[in-house]
Amino acid sequence: MEIFHGADRIAQDDRAARHRVVTHAEHHHGIPLGSQSRGDKILVRLRETAPVVEARPLAAYDAVAIGGSR
């Protein structure tokens, strides 16, 4: 299996047998770990939210388009 980002191959792994998980330590570089003695990992949740934008009435744009004030 190969993973590409644009034209760049960023990962390559052999296919796993059915219902088998294959883990490579180098793929987890930088991910915070739990107990090192047990090999646990901390669940990291990433959330991407939409930017906050100002809602304006269309009349504000009309005023600017015809040379009015901002």
C-alpha atoms as a PDB file:
ATOM      1  CA  MET A   1       0.000   0.000   0.000  1.00  0.00           C
ATOM      2  CA  GLU A   2       1.278   3.477  -0.820  1.00  0.00           C
ATOM      3  CA  ILE A   3       0.055   6.826   0.510  1.00  0.00           C
ATOM      4  CA  PHE A   4       0.638   9.940  -1.598  1.00  0.00           C
ATOM      5  CA  HIS A   5       0.391  13.656  -0.830  1.00  0.00           C
ATOM      6  CA  GLY A   6       0.205  15.216  -4.272  1.00  0.00           C
ATOM      7  CA  ALA A   7       3.030  13.619  -6.259  1.00  0.00           C
ATOM      8  CA  ASP A   8       5.065  12.717  -3.140  1.00  0.00           C
ATOM      9  CA  ARG A   9       4.865   9.227  -1.658  1.00  0.00           C
ATOM     10  CA  ILE A  10       4.734   9.768   2.100  1.00  0.00           C
ATOM     11  CA  ALA A  11       4.245   6.161   3.256  1.00  0.00           C
ATOM     12  CA  GLN A  12       4.588   2.638   1.949  1.00  0.00           C
ATOM     13  CA  ASP A  13       3.558  -0.511   3.802  1.00  0.00           C
ATOM     14  CA  ASP A  14       2.907  -4.130   3.032  1.00  0.00           C
ATOM     15  CA  ARG A  15      -0.735  -5.148   3.089  1.00  0.00           C
ATOM     16  CA  ALA A  16      -1.880  -6.697   6.331  1.00  0.00           C
ATOM     17  CA  ALA A  17      -3.693 -10.003   6.489  1.00  0.00           C
ATOM     18  CA  ARG A  18      -7.458  -9.713   6.879  1.00  0.00           C
ATOM     19  CA  HIS A  19      -8.538  -8.356  10.304  1.00  0.00           C
ATOM     20  CA  ARG A  20      -4.922  -7.774  11.342  1.00  0.00           C
ATOM     21  CA  VAL A  21      -3.521  -4.451  12.552  1.00  0.00           C
ATOM     22  CA  VAL A  22       0.043  -3.546  11.600  1.00  0.00           C
ATOM     23  CA  THR A  23       1.708  -0.825  13.659  1.00  0.00           C
ATOM     24  CA  HIS A  24       5.020   0.892  12.865  1.00  0.00           C
ATOM     25  CA  ALA A  25       6.592   2.955  15.652  1.00  0.00           C
ATOM     26  CA  GLU A  26       7.942   5.563  13.200  1.00  0.00           C
ATOM     27  CA  HIS A  27       4.372   6.357  12.099  1.00  0.00           C
ATOM     28  CA  HIS A  28       3.571   7.446  15.663  1.00  0.00           C
ATOM     29  CA  HIS A  29       6.491   9.847  16.052  1.00  0.00           C
ATOM     30  CA  GLY A  30       5.319  12.963  17.894  1.00  0.00           C
ATOM     31  CA  ILE A  31       2.082  11.446  19.240  1.00  0.00           C
ATOM     32  CA  PRO A  32       1.945  11.700  23.054  1.00  0.00           C
ATOM     33  CA  LEU A  33       2.101   8.308  24.735  1.00  0.00           C
ATOM     34  CA  GLY A  34       0.542   7.112  27.982  1.00  0.00           C
ATOM     35  CA  SER A  35       2.288   4.659  30.246  1.00  0.00           C
ATOM     36  CA  GLN A  36       5.551   3.704  28.555  1.00  0.00           C
ATOM     37  CA  SER A  37       5.695   0.469  30.583  1.00  0.00           C
ATOM     38  CA  ARG A  38       2.333  -0.710  29.217  1.00  0.00           C
ATOM     39  CA  GLY A  39       2.746   0.752  25.733  1.00  0.00           C
ATOM     40  CA  ASP A  40      -0.529   2.676  26.031  1.00  0.00           C
ATOM     41  CA  LYS A  41      -1.319   5.661  23.864  1.00  0.00           C
ATOM     42  CA  ILE A  42      -3.311   8.749  24.827  1.00  0.00           C
ATOM     43  CA  LEU A  43      -6.353   9.350  22.644  1.00  0.00           C
ATOM     44  CA  VAL A  44      -5.730  12.559  20.714  1.00  0.00           C
ATOM     45  CA  ARG A  45      -8.794  14.249  19.256  1.00  0.00           C
ATOM     46  CA  LEU A  46      -8.287  16.801  16.512  1.00  0.00           C
ATOM     47  CA  ARG A  47     -11.071  19.223  15.795  1.00  0.00           C
ATOM     48  CA  GLU A  48     -11.099  21.587  12.878  1.00  0.00           C
ATOM     49  CA  THR A  49     -13.727  24.274  13.059  1.00  0.00           C
ATOM     50  CA  ALA A  50     -14.905  26.812  10.536  1.00  0.00           C
ATOM     51  CA  PRO A  51     -13.475  30.308  10.849  1.00  0.00           C
ATOM     52  CA  VAL A  52     -15.579  32.967  12.535  1.00  0.00           C
ATOM     53  CA  VAL A  53     -16.858  35.444   9.964  1.00  0.00           C
ATOM     54  CA  GLU A  54     -18.798  38.661  10.227  1.00  0.00           C
ATOM     55  CA  ALA A  55     -22.321  38.579   8.795  1.00  0.00           C
ATOM     56  CA  ARG A  56     -23.254  41.815   6.994  1.00  0.00           C
ATOM     57  CA  PRO A  57     -26.416  42.855   5.198  1.00  0.00           C
ATOM     58  CA  LEU A  58     -26.138  43.041   1.403  1.00  0.00           C
ATOM     59  CA  ALA A  59     -26.851  46.786   1.596  1.00  0.00           C
ATOM     60  CA  ALA A  60     -23.380  47.271   3.088  1.00  0.00           C
ATOM     61  CA  TYR A  61     -21.818  45.821  -0.073  1.00  0.00           C
ATOM     62  CA  ASP A  62     -24.124  47.851  -2.301  1.00  0.00           C
ATOM     63  CA  ALA A  63     -22.984  51.030  -0.542  1.00  0.00           C
ATOM     64  CA  VAL A  64     -19.313  50.208  -1.119  1.00  0.00           C
ATOM     65  CA  ALA A  65     -19.931  49.219  -4.748  1.00  0.00           C
ATOM     66  CA  ILE A  66     -21.448  52.595  -5.581  1.00  0.00           C
ATOM     67  CA  GLY A  67     -18.742  54.552  -3.752  1.00  0.00           C
ATOM     68  CA  GLY A  68     -20.309  54.864  -0.329  1.00  0.00           C
ATOM     69  CA  SER A  69     -18.552  54.641   3.033  1.00  0.00           C
ATOM     70  CA  ARG A  70     -17.453  51.424   4.667  1.00  0.00           C
END
